[in-house]
Amino acid sequence: IDLREGDDITAAQAKKLAKAAIALNVELGDPTRLS
């Protein structure tokens, strides 16, 4: 997926992206934390 500033997405698409991000954080770890 390629989102750029000014792109519009639906609430459902945003929810799907947020769920995917959470799943990646669980699987790979929080990228905002130092290793």
PDB file of N, CA and C in Angstrom:
ATOM      1  N   ILE A   1       0.856  -1.174   0.000  1.00  0.00           N
ATOM      2  CA  ILE A   1       0.000   0.000   0.000  1.00  0.00           C
ATOM      3  C   ILE A   1       0.899   1.233   0.000  1.00  0.00           C
ATOM      4  N   ASP A   2       0.507   2.216  -0.715  1.00  0.00           N
ATOM      5  CA  ASP A   2       1.277   3.454  -0.822  1.00  0.00           C
ATOM      6  C   ASP A   2       0.365   4.624  -0.479  1.00  0.00           C
ATOM      7  N   LEU A   3       0.523   5.142   0.734  1.00  0.00           N
ATOM      8  CA  LEU A   3      -0.262   6.299   1.165  1.00  0.00           C
ATOM      9  C   LEU A   3       0.632   7.520   1.186  1.00  0.00           C
ATOM     10  N   ARG A   4       0.111   8.597   0.674  1.00  0.00           N
ATOM     11  CA  ARG A   4       0.860   9.857   0.653  1.00  0.00           C
ATOM     12  C   ARG A   4       0.011  10.965   1.268  1.00  0.00           C
ATOM     13  N   GLU A   5       0.673  12.006   1.705  1.00  0.00           N
ATOM     14  CA  GLU A   5      -0.033  13.137   2.303  1.00  0.00           C
ATOM     15  C   GLU A   5      -1.127  13.612   1.360  1.00  0.00           C
ATOM     16  N   GLY A   6      -2.312  13.778   1.921  1.00  0.00           N
ATOM     17  CA  GLY A   6      -3.448  14.243   1.138  1.00  0.00           C
ATOM     18  C   GLY A   6      -4.333  13.129   0.617  1.00  0.00           C
ATOM     19  N   ASP A   7      -3.857  11.869   0.705  1.00  0.00           N
ATOM     20  CA  ASP A   7      -4.681  10.742   0.272  1.00  0.00           C
ATOM     21  C   ASP A   7      -5.853  10.565   1.229  1.00  0.00           C
ATOM     22  N   ASP A   8      -6.977  10.176   0.688  1.00  0.00           N
ATOM     23  CA  ASP A   8      -8.152   9.879   1.501  1.00  0.00           C
ATOM     24  C   ASP A   8      -8.309   8.371   1.610  1.00  0.00           C
ATOM     25  N   ILE A   9      -8.615   7.908   2.836  1.00  0.00           N
ATOM     26  CA  ILE A   9      -8.959   6.505   3.032  1.00  0.00           C
ATOM     27  C   ILE A   9     -10.204   6.451   3.895  1.00  0.00           C
ATOM     28  N   THR A  10     -10.931   5.362   3.787  1.00  0.00           N
ATOM     29  CA  THR A  10     -12.149   5.213   4.574  1.00  0.00           C
ATOM     30  C   THR A  10     -11.796   4.823   6.003  1.00  0.00           C
ATOM     31  N   ALA A  11     -12.763   4.954   6.886  1.00  0.00           N
ATOM     32  CA  ALA A  11     -12.570   4.538   8.272  1.00  0.00           C
ATOM     33  C   ALA A  11     -12.269   3.048   8.335  1.00  0.00           C
ATOM     34  N   ALA A  12     -12.921   2.266   7.493  1.00  0.00           N
ATOM     35  CA  ALA A  12     -12.688   0.819   7.474  1.00  0.00           C
ATOM     36  C   ALA A  12     -11.253   0.508   7.050  1.00  0.00           C
ATOM     37  N   GLN A  13     -10.737   1.240   6.071  1.00  0.00           N
ATOM     38  CA  GLN A  13      -9.358   1.027   5.634  1.00  0.00           C
ATOM     39  C   GLN A  13      -8.380   1.414   6.749  1.00  0.00           C
ATOM     40  N   ALA A  14      -8.657   2.506   7.441  1.00  0.00           N
ATOM     41  CA  ALA A  14      -7.798   2.947   8.539  1.00  0.00           C
ATOM     42  C   ALA A  14      -7.796   1.912   9.655  1.00  0.00           C
ATOM     43  N   LYS A  15      -8.961   1.360   9.958  1.00  0.00           N
ATOM     44  CA  LYS A  15      -9.064   0.338  10.995  1.00  0.00           C
ATOM     45  C   LYS A  15      -8.271  -0.906  10.602  1.00  0.00           C
ATOM     46  N   LYS A  16      -8.367  -1.300   9.342  1.00  0.00           N
ATOM     47  CA  LYS A  16      -7.633  -2.472   8.851  1.00  0.00           C
ATOM     48  C   LYS A  16      -6.124  -2.243   8.961  1.00  0.00           C
ATOM     49  N   LEU A  17      -5.665  -1.048   8.592  1.00  0.00           N
ATOM     50  CA  LEU A  17      -4.243  -0.726   8.693  1.00  0.00           C
ATOM     51  C   LEU A  17      -3.772  -0.714  10.150  1.00  0.00           C
ATOM     52  N   ALA A  18      -4.590  -0.175  11.041  1.00  0.00           N
ATOM     53  CA  ALA A  18      -4.225  -0.134  12.455  1.00  0.00           C
ATOM     54  C   ALA A  18      -4.114  -1.541  13.021  1.00  0.00           C
ATOM     55  N   LYS A  19      -5.053  -2.415  12.664  1.00  0.00           N
ATOM     56  CA  LYS A  19      -4.998  -3.801  13.139  1.00  0.00           C
ATOM     57  C   LYS A  19      -3.750  -4.504  12.620  1.00  0.00           C
ATOM     58  N   ALA A  20      -3.396  -4.256  11.369  1.00  0.00           N
ATOM     59  CA  ALA A  20      -2.194  -4.867  10.796  1.00  0.00           C
ATOM     60  C   ALA A  20      -0.941  -4.357  11.506  1.00  0.00           C
ATOM     61  N   ALA A  21      -0.909  -3.071  11.831  1.00  0.00           N
ATOM     62  CA  ALA A  21       0.234  -2.496  12.538  1.00  0.00           C
ATOM     63  C   ALA A  21       0.373  -3.098  13.929  1.00  0.00           C
ATOM     64  N   ILE A  22      -0.730  -3.276  14.611  1.00  0.00           N
ATOM     65  CA  ILE A  22      -0.703  -3.884  15.942  1.00  0.00           C
ATOM     66  C   ILE A  22      -0.188  -5.309  15.859  1.00  0.00           C
ATOM     67  N   ALA A  23      -0.650  -6.062  14.870  1.00  0.00           N
ATOM     68  CA  ALA A  23      -0.197  -7.444  14.696  1.00  0.00           C
ATOM     69  C   ALA A  23       1.313  -7.494  14.441  1.00  0.00           C
ATOM     70  N   LEU A  24       1.825  -6.572  13.640  1.00  0.00           N
ATOM     71  CA  LEU A  24       3.270  -6.528  13.396  1.00  0.00           C
ATOM     72  C   LEU A  24       4.036  -6.187  14.671  1.00  0.00           C
ATOM     73  N   ASN A  25       3.507  -5.280  15.471  1.00  0.00           N
ATOM     74  CA  ASN A  25       4.159  -4.941  16.739  1.00  0.00           C
ATOM     75  C   ASN A  25       4.224  -6.154  17.654  1.00  0.00           C
ATOM     76  N   VAL A  26       3.166  -6.947  17.679  1.00  0.00           N
ATOM     77  CA  VAL A  26       3.146  -8.148  18.510  1.00  0.00           C
ATOM     78  C   VAL A  26       4.167  -9.159  17.984  1.00  0.00           C
ATOM     79  N   GLU A  27       4.196  -9.328  16.674  1.00  0.00           N
ATOM     80  CA  GLU A  27       5.078 -10.322  16.061  1.00  0.00           C
ATOM     81  C   GLU A  27       6.551  -9.911  16.083  1.00  0.00           C
ATOM     82  N   LEU A  28       6.832  -8.658  15.744  1.00  0.00           N
ATOM     83  CA  LEU A  28       8.212  -8.225  15.554  1.00  0.00           C
ATOM     84  C   LEU A  28       8.737  -7.296  16.641  1.00  0.00           C
ATOM     85  N   GLY A  29       7.853  -6.782  17.480  1.00  0.00           N
ATOM     86  CA  GLY A  29       8.257  -5.842  18.513  1.00  0.00           C
ATOM     87  C   GLY A  29       7.930  -4.412  18.113  1.00  0.00           C
ATOM     88  N   ASP A  30       7.857  -3.565  19.093  1.00  0.00           N
ATOM     89  CA  ASP A  30       7.525  -2.154  18.889  1.00  0.00           C
ATOM     90  C   ASP A  30       8.714  -1.435  18.258  1.00  0.00           C
ATOM     91  N   PRO A  31       8.562  -0.903  17.048  1.00  0.00           N
ATOM     92  CA  PRO A  31       9.694  -0.258  16.385  1.00  0.00           C
ATOM     93  C   PRO A  31      10.122   1.057  17.033  1.00  0.00           C
ATOM     94  N   THR A  32       9.321   1.583  17.940  1.00  0.00           N
ATOM     95  CA  THR A  32       9.696   2.836  18.596  1.00  0.00           C
ATOM     96  C   THR A  32      10.585   2.593  19.811  1.00  0.00           C
ATOM     97  N   ARG A  33      10.723   1.337  20.203  1.00  0.00           N
ATOM     98  CA  ARG A  33      11.586   1.006  21.345  1.00  0.00           C
ATOM     99  C   ARG A  33      12.966   0.626  20.837  1.00  0.00           C
ATOM    100  N   LEU A  34      13.967   1.059  21.558  1.00  0.00           N
ATOM    101  CA  LEU A  34      15.336   0.707  21.192  1.00  0.00           C
ATOM    102  C   LEU A  34      15.581  -0.761  21.486  1.00  0.00           C
ATOM    103  N   SER A  35      16.358  -1.394  20.656  1.00  0.00           N
ATOM    104  CA  SER A  35      16.675  -2.821  20.836  1.00  0.00           C
ATOM    105  C   SER A  35      17.611  -3.034  21.987  1.00  0.00           C
TER     106      SER A  35
END
